[in-house]
N, C-alpha and C. Protein backbone atom coordinates (compact mmCIF):
# COMPACT_ATOMS: atom_id res chain seq x y z
N MET A 1 -56.40 7.76 20.40
CA MET A 1 -55.01 7.48 20.64
C MET A 1 -54.49 8.45 21.70
N ILE A 2 -53.79 7.90 22.69
CA ILE A 2 -53.26 8.72 23.76
C ILE A 2 -52.00 9.40 23.27
N SER A 3 -51.87 10.68 23.59
CA SER A 3 -50.69 11.43 23.18
C SER A 3 -49.45 10.81 23.79
N GLY A 4 -48.46 10.60 22.96
CA GLY A 4 -47.21 10.04 23.44
C GLY A 4 -47.19 8.53 23.50
N SER A 5 -48.24 7.85 22.97
CA SER A 5 -48.29 6.40 23.07
C SER A 5 -47.23 5.73 22.20
N VAL A 6 -46.83 6.38 21.10
CA VAL A 6 -45.77 5.81 20.26
C VAL A 6 -44.47 5.81 21.04
N GLY A 7 -44.18 6.91 21.72
CA GLY A 7 -42.98 6.99 22.55
C GLY A 7 -43.03 5.97 23.66
N LEU A 8 -44.21 5.75 24.24
CA LEU A 8 -44.38 4.77 25.30
C LEU A 8 -44.07 3.38 24.78
N ALA A 9 -44.57 3.06 23.58
CA ALA A 9 -44.30 1.74 22.99
C ALA A 9 -42.80 1.54 22.79
N GLU A 10 -42.11 2.59 22.33
CA GLU A 10 -40.66 2.49 22.15
C GLU A 10 -39.96 2.30 23.50
N ASP A 11 -40.45 3.03 24.52
CA ASP A 11 -39.87 2.87 25.86
C ASP A 11 -40.05 1.46 26.39
N ILE A 12 -41.23 0.88 26.16
CA ILE A 12 -41.50 -0.48 26.61
C ILE A 12 -40.55 -1.45 25.92
N GLU A 13 -40.38 -1.30 24.60
CA GLU A 13 -39.46 -2.17 23.87
C GLU A 13 -38.03 -2.03 24.39
N ALA A 14 -37.63 -0.80 24.70
CA ALA A 14 -36.28 -0.57 25.23
C ALA A 14 -36.12 -1.25 26.59
N CYS A 15 -37.18 -1.16 27.42
CA CYS A 15 -37.14 -1.80 28.74
C CYS A 15 -37.04 -3.32 28.60
N LYS A 16 -37.75 -3.89 27.62
CA LYS A 16 -37.66 -5.34 27.40
C LYS A 16 -36.23 -5.72 27.09
N GLY A 17 -35.59 -4.92 26.25
CA GLY A 17 -34.20 -5.19 25.90
C GLY A 17 -33.30 -5.12 27.11
N VAL A 18 -33.52 -4.14 27.98
CA VAL A 18 -32.72 -4.01 29.20
C VAL A 18 -32.98 -5.20 30.12
N ALA A 19 -34.25 -5.61 30.22
CA ALA A 19 -34.60 -6.75 31.08
C ALA A 19 -33.91 -8.02 30.59
N ILE A 20 -33.90 -8.23 29.28
CA ILE A 20 -33.24 -9.41 28.72
C ILE A 20 -31.74 -9.34 29.02
N PHE A 21 -31.14 -8.15 28.85
CA PHE A 21 -29.71 -7.98 29.14
C PHE A 21 -29.42 -8.26 30.61
N ILE A 22 -30.26 -7.72 31.50
CA ILE A 22 -30.06 -7.94 32.94
C ILE A 22 -30.18 -9.42 33.26
N LYS A 23 -31.20 -10.09 32.70
CA LYS A 23 -31.39 -11.52 32.96
C LYS A 23 -30.17 -12.29 32.50
N GLN A 24 -29.63 -11.94 31.32
CA GLN A 24 -28.44 -12.64 30.83
C GLN A 24 -27.25 -12.37 31.73
N GLU A 25 -27.09 -11.14 32.19
CA GLU A 25 -25.97 -10.82 33.06
C GLU A 25 -26.08 -11.55 34.40
N VAL A 26 -27.30 -11.60 34.94
CA VAL A 26 -27.51 -12.29 36.22
C VAL A 26 -27.27 -13.78 36.05
N SER A 27 -27.74 -14.37 34.92
CA SER A 27 -27.58 -15.81 34.75
C SER A 27 -26.12 -16.20 34.54
N THR A 28 -25.27 -15.26 34.14
CA THR A 28 -23.85 -15.59 33.97
C THR A 28 -23.05 -15.19 35.20
N ALA A 29 -23.70 -14.60 36.19
CA ALA A 29 -23.01 -14.22 37.42
C ALA A 29 -22.63 -15.46 38.20
N HIS A 30 -21.76 -15.29 39.18
CA HIS A 30 -21.36 -16.41 40.03
C HIS A 30 -22.61 -17.00 40.68
N PRO A 31 -22.76 -18.34 40.71
CA PRO A 31 -23.98 -18.96 41.24
C PRO A 31 -24.35 -18.51 42.64
N SER A 32 -23.39 -18.17 43.50
CA SER A 32 -23.72 -17.77 44.87
C SER A 32 -24.45 -16.44 44.91
N VAL A 33 -24.35 -15.65 43.83
CA VAL A 33 -25.10 -14.39 43.77
C VAL A 33 -26.59 -14.68 43.67
N ILE A 34 -26.92 -15.71 42.91
CA ILE A 34 -28.32 -16.06 42.70
C ILE A 34 -28.80 -16.99 43.80
N MET A 35 -28.07 -18.07 44.00
CA MET A 35 -28.47 -19.08 44.96
C MET A 35 -27.22 -19.63 45.63
N ALA A 36 -27.30 -19.85 46.90
CA ALA A 36 -26.22 -20.53 47.61
C ALA A 36 -26.48 -22.02 47.50
N ASP A 37 -25.56 -22.77 46.96
CA ASP A 37 -25.72 -24.21 46.77
C ASP A 37 -26.98 -24.53 45.96
N ASN A 38 -27.29 -23.72 44.97
CA ASN A 38 -28.44 -23.86 44.09
C ASN A 38 -29.78 -23.70 44.82
N TYR A 39 -29.78 -23.05 45.95
CA TYR A 39 -31.01 -22.71 46.66
C TYR A 39 -31.11 -21.20 46.69
N ARG A 40 -32.32 -20.72 46.75
CA ARG A 40 -32.51 -19.27 46.72
C ARG A 40 -32.01 -18.62 47.99
N ASP A 41 -31.41 -17.46 47.84
CA ASP A 41 -30.92 -16.69 48.98
C ASP A 41 -31.94 -15.61 49.29
N TYR A 42 -32.55 -15.68 50.47
CA TYR A 42 -33.62 -14.76 50.83
C TYR A 42 -33.17 -13.62 51.74
N ASN A 43 -31.88 -13.54 52.08
CA ASN A 43 -31.41 -12.49 52.98
C ASN A 43 -32.31 -12.38 54.21
N LEU A 44 -32.32 -13.41 55.01
CA LEU A 44 -33.22 -13.51 56.15
C LEU A 44 -32.94 -12.46 57.22
N THR A 45 -34.03 -12.05 57.87
CA THR A 45 -33.91 -11.16 59.01
C THR A 45 -33.45 -11.99 60.21
N GLU A 46 -33.10 -11.33 61.30
CA GLU A 46 -32.68 -12.05 62.51
C GLU A 46 -33.81 -12.91 63.07
N ASP A 47 -35.05 -12.41 63.03
CA ASP A 47 -36.20 -13.19 63.50
C ASP A 47 -36.39 -14.45 62.65
N GLN A 48 -36.25 -14.31 61.34
CA GLN A 48 -36.40 -15.45 60.44
C GLN A 48 -35.29 -16.47 60.67
N LYS A 49 -34.08 -15.99 60.92
CA LYS A 49 -32.95 -16.88 61.21
C LYS A 49 -33.19 -17.63 62.53
N ALA A 50 -33.80 -16.95 63.50
CA ALA A 50 -34.09 -17.58 64.80
C ALA A 50 -35.09 -18.72 64.63
N ILE A 51 -36.14 -18.51 63.83
CA ILE A 51 -37.12 -19.57 63.58
C ILE A 51 -36.45 -20.74 62.86
N LYS A 52 -35.63 -20.42 61.88
CA LYS A 52 -34.93 -21.45 61.11
C LYS A 52 -34.04 -22.30 62.03
N ALA A 53 -33.43 -21.68 63.02
CA ALA A 53 -32.52 -22.39 63.93
C ALA A 53 -33.26 -23.28 64.92
N LYS A 54 -34.58 -23.06 65.13
CA LYS A 54 -35.35 -23.85 66.08
C LYS A 54 -35.56 -25.29 65.64
N TYR A 55 -35.50 -25.56 64.35
CA TYR A 55 -35.87 -26.86 63.81
C TYR A 55 -34.70 -27.47 63.04
N PRO A 56 -34.71 -28.80 62.90
CA PRO A 56 -33.67 -29.43 62.09
C PRO A 56 -33.76 -28.94 60.63
N PRO A 57 -32.65 -28.94 59.92
CA PRO A 57 -32.68 -28.49 58.53
C PRO A 57 -33.63 -29.35 57.68
N VAL A 58 -34.24 -28.74 56.69
CA VAL A 58 -35.13 -29.43 55.77
C VAL A 58 -34.26 -30.21 54.77
N ASN A 59 -34.65 -31.44 54.51
CA ASN A 59 -33.96 -32.28 53.54
C ASN A 59 -34.32 -31.80 52.13
N LYS A 60 -33.35 -31.28 51.39
CA LYS A 60 -33.61 -30.73 50.06
C LYS A 60 -32.94 -31.58 49.00
N LYS A 61 -33.78 -32.23 48.20
CA LYS A 61 -33.30 -33.02 47.06
C LYS A 61 -33.92 -32.44 45.80
N TYR A 62 -33.61 -31.18 45.56
CA TYR A 62 -34.12 -30.51 44.36
C TYR A 62 -33.19 -29.38 43.98
N GLU A 63 -33.42 -28.90 42.75
CA GLU A 63 -32.67 -27.75 42.25
C GLU A 63 -33.55 -27.00 41.25
N TYR A 64 -33.14 -25.77 40.95
CA TYR A 64 -33.85 -24.94 39.99
C TYR A 64 -32.98 -24.82 38.73
N LEU A 65 -33.60 -25.10 37.59
CA LEU A 65 -32.89 -25.01 36.33
C LEU A 65 -33.44 -23.85 35.52
N ASP A 66 -32.56 -23.17 34.81
CA ASP A 66 -32.99 -22.04 33.97
C ASP A 66 -33.90 -22.53 32.86
N HIS A 67 -34.90 -21.72 32.58
CA HIS A 67 -35.81 -21.97 31.46
C HIS A 67 -36.33 -20.62 31.01
N THR A 68 -36.48 -20.44 29.73
CA THR A 68 -36.92 -19.16 29.19
C THR A 68 -38.18 -18.67 29.88
N ALA A 69 -38.08 -17.55 30.58
CA ALA A 69 -39.20 -16.84 31.24
C ALA A 69 -39.86 -17.62 32.37
N ASP A 70 -39.50 -18.86 32.56
CA ASP A 70 -40.07 -19.67 33.63
C ASP A 70 -38.94 -20.35 34.40
N VAL A 71 -39.30 -21.28 35.26
CA VAL A 71 -38.32 -22.03 36.04
C VAL A 71 -38.65 -23.50 35.94
N GLN A 72 -37.61 -24.32 35.81
CA GLN A 72 -37.82 -25.76 35.80
C GLN A 72 -37.38 -26.33 37.14
N LEU A 73 -38.28 -27.07 37.76
CA LEU A 73 -37.97 -27.76 39.00
C LEU A 73 -37.40 -29.13 38.65
N HIS A 74 -36.31 -29.49 39.29
CA HIS A 74 -35.74 -30.82 39.15
C HIS A 74 -35.67 -31.41 40.55
N ALA A 75 -36.42 -32.49 40.77
CA ALA A 75 -36.47 -33.11 42.11
C ALA A 75 -36.18 -34.59 41.97
N TRP A 76 -35.61 -35.17 43.03
CA TRP A 76 -35.27 -36.59 43.03
C TRP A 76 -35.44 -37.14 44.44
N GLY A 77 -35.43 -38.45 44.54
CA GLY A 77 -35.55 -39.11 45.84
C GLY A 77 -35.25 -40.58 45.73
N ASP A 78 -35.29 -41.26 46.85
CA ASP A 78 -35.04 -42.71 46.86
C ASP A 78 -36.23 -43.48 46.30
N THR A 79 -37.41 -42.89 46.40
CA THR A 79 -38.64 -43.51 45.88
C THR A 79 -39.40 -42.46 45.07
N LEU A 80 -40.39 -42.92 44.32
CA LEU A 80 -41.22 -41.97 43.57
C LEU A 80 -41.99 -41.07 44.54
N GLU A 81 -42.42 -41.63 45.67
CA GLU A 81 -43.14 -40.84 46.68
C GLU A 81 -42.26 -39.69 47.18
N GLU A 82 -41.02 -39.99 47.52
CA GLU A 82 -40.12 -38.94 47.99
C GLU A 82 -39.85 -37.92 46.89
N THR A 83 -39.75 -38.37 45.67
CA THR A 83 -39.51 -37.47 44.54
C THR A 83 -40.67 -36.49 44.38
N PHE A 84 -41.91 -36.96 44.49
CA PHE A 84 -43.08 -36.09 44.43
C PHE A 84 -43.07 -35.09 45.59
N GLU A 85 -42.72 -35.57 46.79
CA GLU A 85 -42.62 -34.69 47.96
C GLU A 85 -41.62 -33.57 47.70
N GLN A 86 -40.48 -33.93 47.19
CA GLN A 86 -39.42 -32.95 46.94
C GLN A 86 -39.82 -31.94 45.86
N CYS A 87 -40.61 -32.39 44.89
CA CYS A 87 -41.06 -31.48 43.85
C CYS A 87 -41.99 -30.41 44.42
N VAL A 88 -42.89 -30.83 45.31
CA VAL A 88 -43.77 -29.86 45.98
C VAL A 88 -42.94 -28.87 46.80
N MET A 89 -41.96 -29.39 47.53
CA MET A 89 -41.14 -28.52 48.36
C MET A 89 -40.28 -27.58 47.51
N ALA A 90 -39.86 -28.03 46.34
CA ALA A 90 -39.12 -27.16 45.42
C ALA A 90 -40.01 -26.00 44.98
N MET A 91 -41.28 -26.30 44.70
CA MET A 91 -42.21 -25.25 44.29
C MET A 91 -42.38 -24.23 45.41
N PHE A 92 -42.61 -24.71 46.63
CA PHE A 92 -42.78 -23.78 47.75
C PHE A 92 -41.47 -23.07 48.09
N GLY A 93 -40.36 -23.76 47.90
CA GLY A 93 -39.06 -23.16 48.15
C GLY A 93 -38.74 -22.00 47.21
N TYR A 94 -39.41 -21.97 46.07
CA TYR A 94 -39.24 -20.85 45.14
C TYR A 94 -40.04 -19.64 45.60
N MET A 95 -41.08 -19.88 46.40
CA MET A 95 -41.94 -18.80 46.88
C MET A 95 -41.49 -18.22 48.21
N THR A 96 -40.83 -19.05 49.04
CA THR A 96 -40.34 -18.59 50.34
C THR A 96 -39.28 -19.57 50.84
N ASP A 97 -38.57 -19.18 51.86
CA ASP A 97 -37.63 -20.09 52.50
C ASP A 97 -38.44 -21.00 53.41
N THR A 98 -38.63 -22.25 53.01
CA THR A 98 -39.50 -23.16 53.77
C THR A 98 -38.93 -23.49 55.15
N GLU A 99 -37.66 -23.21 55.38
CA GLU A 99 -37.10 -23.47 56.71
C GLU A 99 -37.50 -22.40 57.72
N THR A 100 -38.14 -21.33 57.27
CA THR A 100 -38.67 -20.33 58.20
C THR A 100 -40.12 -20.65 58.58
N VAL A 101 -40.65 -21.71 58.01
CA VAL A 101 -42.03 -22.13 58.27
C VAL A 101 -42.05 -23.06 59.48
N GLU A 102 -42.97 -22.79 60.39
CA GLU A 102 -43.12 -23.65 61.57
C GLU A 102 -44.24 -24.67 61.32
N PRO A 103 -44.08 -25.90 61.79
CA PRO A 103 -45.08 -26.95 61.58
C PRO A 103 -46.24 -26.84 62.58
N LEU A 104 -47.05 -25.80 62.42
CA LEU A 104 -48.12 -25.52 63.38
C LEU A 104 -49.47 -26.13 62.97
N ASP A 105 -49.69 -26.28 61.67
CA ASP A 105 -50.95 -26.80 61.15
C ASP A 105 -50.69 -28.00 60.24
N THR A 106 -51.73 -28.77 60.01
CA THR A 106 -51.65 -29.93 59.13
C THR A 106 -52.69 -29.78 58.02
N VAL A 107 -52.27 -30.06 56.80
CA VAL A 107 -53.17 -30.02 55.65
C VAL A 107 -52.99 -31.32 54.87
N GLU A 108 -54.11 -31.90 54.44
CA GLU A 108 -54.06 -33.11 53.63
C GLU A 108 -54.46 -32.79 52.21
N VAL A 109 -53.79 -33.45 51.28
CA VAL A 109 -54.12 -33.30 49.86
C VAL A 109 -54.26 -34.69 49.26
N GLU A 110 -55.40 -34.93 48.63
CA GLU A 110 -55.64 -36.15 47.88
C GLU A 110 -56.07 -35.74 46.49
N THR A 111 -55.52 -36.42 45.49
CA THR A 111 -55.90 -36.11 44.12
C THR A 111 -55.69 -37.33 43.26
N GLU A 112 -56.12 -37.24 42.01
CA GLU A 112 -55.97 -38.36 41.10
C GLU A 112 -55.70 -37.84 39.69
N GLY A 113 -55.31 -38.74 38.82
CA GLY A 113 -55.06 -38.42 37.42
C GLY A 113 -55.40 -39.62 36.57
N HIS A 114 -55.08 -39.52 35.28
CA HIS A 114 -55.34 -40.66 34.38
C HIS A 114 -54.04 -41.35 33.97
N ASP A 115 -52.90 -40.75 34.35
CA ASP A 115 -51.59 -41.36 34.18
C ASP A 115 -50.64 -40.69 35.17
N LEU A 116 -49.38 -41.08 35.17
CA LEU A 116 -48.43 -40.54 36.15
C LEU A 116 -48.18 -39.05 35.95
N PHE A 117 -48.19 -38.58 34.70
CA PHE A 117 -47.95 -37.16 34.42
C PHE A 117 -49.10 -36.30 34.94
N SER A 118 -50.33 -36.71 34.66
CA SER A 118 -51.48 -35.93 35.15
C SER A 118 -51.57 -36.02 36.67
N LEU A 119 -51.12 -37.13 37.24
CA LEU A 119 -51.11 -37.25 38.70
C LEU A 119 -50.15 -36.24 39.31
N LEU A 120 -48.93 -36.15 38.76
CA LEU A 120 -47.96 -35.17 39.27
C LEU A 120 -48.47 -33.76 39.07
N TYR A 121 -49.02 -33.46 37.90
CA TYR A 121 -49.58 -32.14 37.61
C TYR A 121 -50.67 -31.78 38.62
N ASN A 122 -51.63 -32.67 38.80
CA ASN A 122 -52.75 -32.41 39.71
C ASN A 122 -52.28 -32.30 41.16
N PHE A 123 -51.29 -33.12 41.53
CA PHE A 123 -50.73 -33.08 42.88
C PHE A 123 -50.12 -31.71 43.17
N LEU A 124 -49.28 -31.23 42.28
CA LEU A 124 -48.67 -29.90 42.46
C LEU A 124 -49.73 -28.81 42.44
N ASN A 125 -50.69 -28.95 41.55
CA ASN A 125 -51.75 -27.96 41.41
C ASN A 125 -52.59 -27.86 42.68
N GLU A 126 -52.90 -28.99 43.30
CA GLU A 126 -53.68 -28.99 44.54
C GLU A 126 -52.91 -28.32 45.68
N TRP A 127 -51.61 -28.59 45.76
CA TRP A 127 -50.81 -27.93 46.80
C TRP A 127 -50.71 -26.43 46.53
N LEU A 128 -50.57 -26.05 45.27
CA LEU A 128 -50.53 -24.63 44.93
C LEU A 128 -51.85 -23.95 45.29
N TYR A 129 -52.96 -24.66 45.07
CA TYR A 129 -54.28 -24.14 45.44
C TYR A 129 -54.37 -23.87 46.94
N LYS A 130 -53.79 -24.74 47.75
CA LYS A 130 -53.81 -24.54 49.21
C LYS A 130 -53.10 -23.25 49.59
N PHE A 131 -52.12 -22.86 48.78
CA PHE A 131 -51.41 -21.62 49.05
C PHE A 131 -52.11 -20.40 48.46
N SER A 132 -52.44 -20.46 47.20
CA SER A 132 -52.85 -19.23 46.50
C SER A 132 -54.34 -18.92 46.55
N ALA A 133 -55.17 -19.91 46.71
CA ALA A 133 -56.60 -19.62 46.62
C ALA A 133 -57.38 -19.97 47.88
N GLU A 134 -56.78 -20.71 48.77
CA GLU A 134 -57.57 -21.17 49.91
C GLU A 134 -57.04 -20.63 51.23
N GLN A 135 -56.06 -21.29 51.79
CA GLN A 135 -55.64 -20.99 53.16
C GLN A 135 -54.32 -20.24 53.26
N PHE A 136 -53.70 -19.92 52.13
CA PHE A 136 -52.35 -19.33 52.12
C PHE A 136 -51.39 -20.22 52.91
N PHE A 137 -51.65 -21.54 52.83
CA PHE A 137 -50.86 -22.51 53.56
C PHE A 137 -49.54 -22.76 52.85
N VAL A 138 -48.46 -22.72 53.62
CA VAL A 138 -47.14 -23.07 53.09
C VAL A 138 -46.56 -24.16 54.00
N PRO A 139 -46.14 -25.28 53.42
CA PRO A 139 -45.63 -26.37 54.25
C PRO A 139 -44.14 -26.25 54.54
N ARG A 140 -43.75 -26.77 55.66
CA ARG A 140 -42.34 -26.96 55.97
C ARG A 140 -41.90 -28.33 55.44
N GLU A 141 -42.87 -29.25 55.47
CA GLU A 141 -42.61 -30.61 54.99
C GLU A 141 -43.88 -31.20 54.42
N VAL A 142 -43.74 -31.98 53.36
CA VAL A 142 -44.86 -32.72 52.77
C VAL A 142 -44.46 -34.19 52.73
N LYS A 143 -45.39 -35.04 53.11
CA LYS A 143 -45.17 -36.48 53.09
C LYS A 143 -46.24 -37.13 52.22
N VAL A 144 -45.81 -37.90 51.21
CA VAL A 144 -46.75 -38.66 50.40
C VAL A 144 -47.03 -39.96 51.15
N LEU A 145 -48.29 -40.17 51.51
CA LEU A 145 -48.69 -41.35 52.26
C LEU A 145 -48.83 -42.57 51.36
N SER A 146 -49.34 -42.33 50.14
CA SER A 146 -49.47 -43.44 49.20
C SER A 146 -49.66 -42.93 47.78
N ILE A 147 -49.17 -43.72 46.84
CA ILE A 147 -49.45 -43.53 45.42
C ILE A 147 -50.04 -44.84 44.91
N ASP A 148 -51.27 -44.76 44.44
CA ASP A 148 -51.94 -45.92 43.85
C ASP A 148 -51.66 -45.88 42.35
N ARG A 149 -50.80 -46.77 41.89
CA ARG A 149 -50.38 -46.76 40.48
C ARG A 149 -51.42 -47.40 39.55
N MET A 150 -52.40 -48.08 40.11
CA MET A 150 -53.45 -48.69 39.28
C MET A 150 -54.54 -47.66 38.97
N LYS A 151 -54.91 -46.89 40.00
CA LYS A 151 -55.99 -45.90 39.85
C LYS A 151 -55.45 -44.49 39.73
N TYR A 152 -54.12 -44.33 39.81
CA TYR A 152 -53.45 -43.03 39.75
C TYR A 152 -54.05 -42.04 40.75
N LYS A 153 -53.97 -42.45 42.01
CA LYS A 153 -54.41 -41.62 43.12
C LYS A 153 -53.24 -41.40 44.07
N ILE A 154 -53.25 -40.25 44.72
CA ILE A 154 -52.17 -39.93 45.66
C ILE A 154 -52.78 -39.31 46.91
N ARG A 155 -52.23 -39.68 48.07
CA ARG A 155 -52.61 -39.10 49.36
C ARG A 155 -51.36 -38.52 49.99
N SER A 156 -51.51 -37.30 50.53
CA SER A 156 -50.36 -36.65 51.16
C SER A 156 -50.80 -35.78 52.32
N ILE A 157 -49.82 -35.44 53.13
CA ILE A 157 -50.05 -34.58 54.28
C ILE A 157 -48.90 -33.59 54.36
N GLY A 158 -49.22 -32.38 54.78
CA GLY A 158 -48.19 -31.35 54.93
C GLY A 158 -48.29 -30.68 56.29
N TRP A 159 -47.13 -30.33 56.83
CA TRP A 159 -47.06 -29.62 58.10
C TRP A 159 -46.47 -28.25 57.83
N GLY A 160 -47.19 -27.21 58.29
CA GLY A 160 -46.72 -25.85 58.05
C GLY A 160 -47.63 -24.85 58.72
N GLU A 161 -47.80 -23.72 58.05
CA GLU A 161 -48.62 -22.65 58.62
C GLU A 161 -49.06 -21.69 57.53
N GLU A 162 -49.90 -20.73 57.92
CA GLU A 162 -50.34 -19.71 57.00
C GLU A 162 -49.18 -18.77 56.68
N PHE A 163 -49.04 -18.47 55.39
CA PHE A 163 -47.98 -17.55 54.96
C PHE A 163 -48.20 -16.17 55.54
N SER A 164 -47.15 -15.59 56.10
CA SER A 164 -47.21 -14.26 56.69
C SER A 164 -45.98 -13.49 56.23
N LEU A 165 -46.19 -12.37 55.56
CA LEU A 165 -45.07 -11.60 55.00
C LEU A 165 -44.05 -11.16 56.04
N PRO A 166 -44.45 -10.73 57.24
CA PRO A 166 -43.42 -10.37 58.23
C PRO A 166 -42.59 -11.57 58.69
N LYS A 167 -43.19 -12.75 58.66
CA LYS A 167 -42.51 -13.94 59.17
C LYS A 167 -41.74 -14.71 58.09
N HIS A 168 -42.28 -14.75 56.88
CA HIS A 168 -41.69 -15.55 55.81
C HIS A 168 -41.18 -14.65 54.69
N PRO A 169 -39.93 -14.85 54.27
CA PRO A 169 -39.40 -14.02 53.18
C PRO A 169 -40.18 -14.27 51.88
N GLN A 170 -40.36 -13.22 51.11
CA GLN A 170 -41.13 -13.33 49.88
C GLN A 170 -40.20 -13.66 48.72
N GLY A 171 -40.52 -14.76 48.04
CA GLY A 171 -39.78 -15.14 46.85
C GLY A 171 -40.58 -14.73 45.62
N THR A 172 -40.71 -15.64 44.68
CA THR A 172 -41.45 -15.38 43.44
C THR A 172 -42.71 -16.23 43.44
N GLU A 173 -43.84 -15.59 43.17
CA GLU A 173 -45.10 -16.31 43.15
C GLU A 173 -45.13 -17.30 41.99
N VAL A 174 -45.59 -18.49 42.26
CA VAL A 174 -45.82 -19.48 41.22
C VAL A 174 -47.27 -19.30 40.75
N LYS A 175 -47.44 -19.00 39.46
CA LYS A 175 -48.78 -18.75 38.93
C LYS A 175 -49.48 -20.04 38.54
N ALA A 176 -48.71 -20.98 37.97
CA ALA A 176 -49.34 -22.21 37.48
C ALA A 176 -48.29 -23.30 37.28
N ILE A 177 -48.78 -24.52 37.26
CA ILE A 177 -47.98 -25.68 36.91
C ILE A 177 -48.18 -25.91 35.41
N THR A 178 -47.19 -26.42 34.70
CA THR A 178 -47.36 -26.69 33.28
C THR A 178 -46.99 -28.14 32.96
N TYR A 179 -47.51 -28.62 31.85
CA TYR A 179 -47.14 -29.93 31.32
C TYR A 179 -45.90 -29.82 30.43
N SER A 180 -45.53 -28.60 30.08
CA SER A 180 -44.44 -28.37 29.13
C SER A 180 -43.15 -29.07 29.60
N ALA A 181 -42.63 -29.95 28.76
CA ALA A 181 -41.36 -30.66 29.00
C ALA A 181 -41.35 -31.43 30.33
N MET A 182 -42.53 -31.80 30.84
CA MET A 182 -42.59 -32.59 32.08
C MET A 182 -41.97 -33.96 31.83
N GLN A 183 -41.13 -34.37 32.77
CA GLN A 183 -40.46 -35.66 32.65
C GLN A 183 -40.51 -36.39 33.99
N ILE A 184 -40.73 -37.69 33.93
CA ILE A 184 -40.71 -38.53 35.12
C ILE A 184 -39.85 -39.75 34.80
N TYR A 185 -38.83 -39.96 35.61
CA TYR A 185 -37.95 -41.11 35.45
C TYR A 185 -38.01 -41.95 36.72
N GLU A 186 -38.12 -43.25 36.55
CA GLU A 186 -38.20 -44.13 37.72
C GLU A 186 -37.02 -45.09 37.81
N GLU A 187 -36.13 -45.12 36.81
CA GLU A 187 -34.99 -46.01 36.83
C GLU A 187 -33.97 -45.50 37.85
N GLU A 188 -33.28 -46.43 38.50
CA GLU A 188 -32.26 -46.12 39.50
C GLU A 188 -32.79 -45.10 40.52
N THR A 189 -32.38 -43.83 40.39
CA THR A 189 -32.88 -42.78 41.29
C THR A 189 -34.06 -42.10 40.62
N PRO A 190 -35.28 -42.23 41.19
CA PRO A 190 -36.43 -41.54 40.58
C PRO A 190 -36.21 -40.03 40.56
N GLU A 191 -36.61 -39.38 39.46
CA GLU A 191 -36.50 -37.93 39.35
C GLU A 191 -37.58 -37.39 38.45
N VAL A 192 -37.93 -36.12 38.68
CA VAL A 192 -38.95 -35.45 37.86
C VAL A 192 -38.44 -34.08 37.48
N PHE A 193 -38.93 -33.60 36.34
CA PHE A 193 -38.67 -32.26 35.85
C PHE A 193 -40.01 -31.61 35.55
N VAL A 194 -40.27 -30.44 36.13
CA VAL A 194 -41.55 -29.75 35.94
C VAL A 194 -41.27 -28.26 35.75
N ILE A 195 -41.87 -27.68 34.72
CA ILE A 195 -41.74 -26.24 34.49
C ILE A 195 -42.92 -25.55 35.16
N ILE A 196 -42.61 -24.52 35.97
CA ILE A 196 -43.66 -23.74 36.62
C ILE A 196 -43.70 -22.36 35.99
N ASP A 197 -44.91 -21.83 35.88
CA ASP A 197 -45.12 -20.49 35.34
C ASP A 197 -45.02 -19.49 36.48
N ILE A 198 -44.08 -18.53 36.34
CA ILE A 198 -43.90 -17.54 37.41
C ILE A 198 -44.24 -16.15 36.91
């Protein structure tokens, strides 16, 4: 037993309590403190603002919803394809300001599932893999080329570049996609809800 480990355990518990208090205080703060118009505020540098100004604004049809210890992505669109695109962009938007990303490279993602839920899960997971384990690719835009509803296959393409800390503001890393409370609605305006592990 390490000397002082009991005190350390008490300190850790006290810090957890402070962290919970801070999280509660932040979540009750005015929304613009956390996000402007429900989007993350990255306090961009002048260089990042200059890159952002070079391109048309990114179409954002998503929001972030509070969830215990994680974040829930809520995305919508005119079609299911657009809704899936927006969900991917919501995930990347939590990691960086995607409007600071330049469309310099192209990456394709194809995946499949056994139903619509596994298709969405695998789709997000493949895009996350392109960022975290392979090319550190972050898209400015993702386009779903097709969704095969009979075989549950999806084809997509993304335009962006390799993530670079001096160029792209650092948000919160997404560790994993979850099935927890995943919802897909196709009536009227298609929308999805996905909890990501951060």
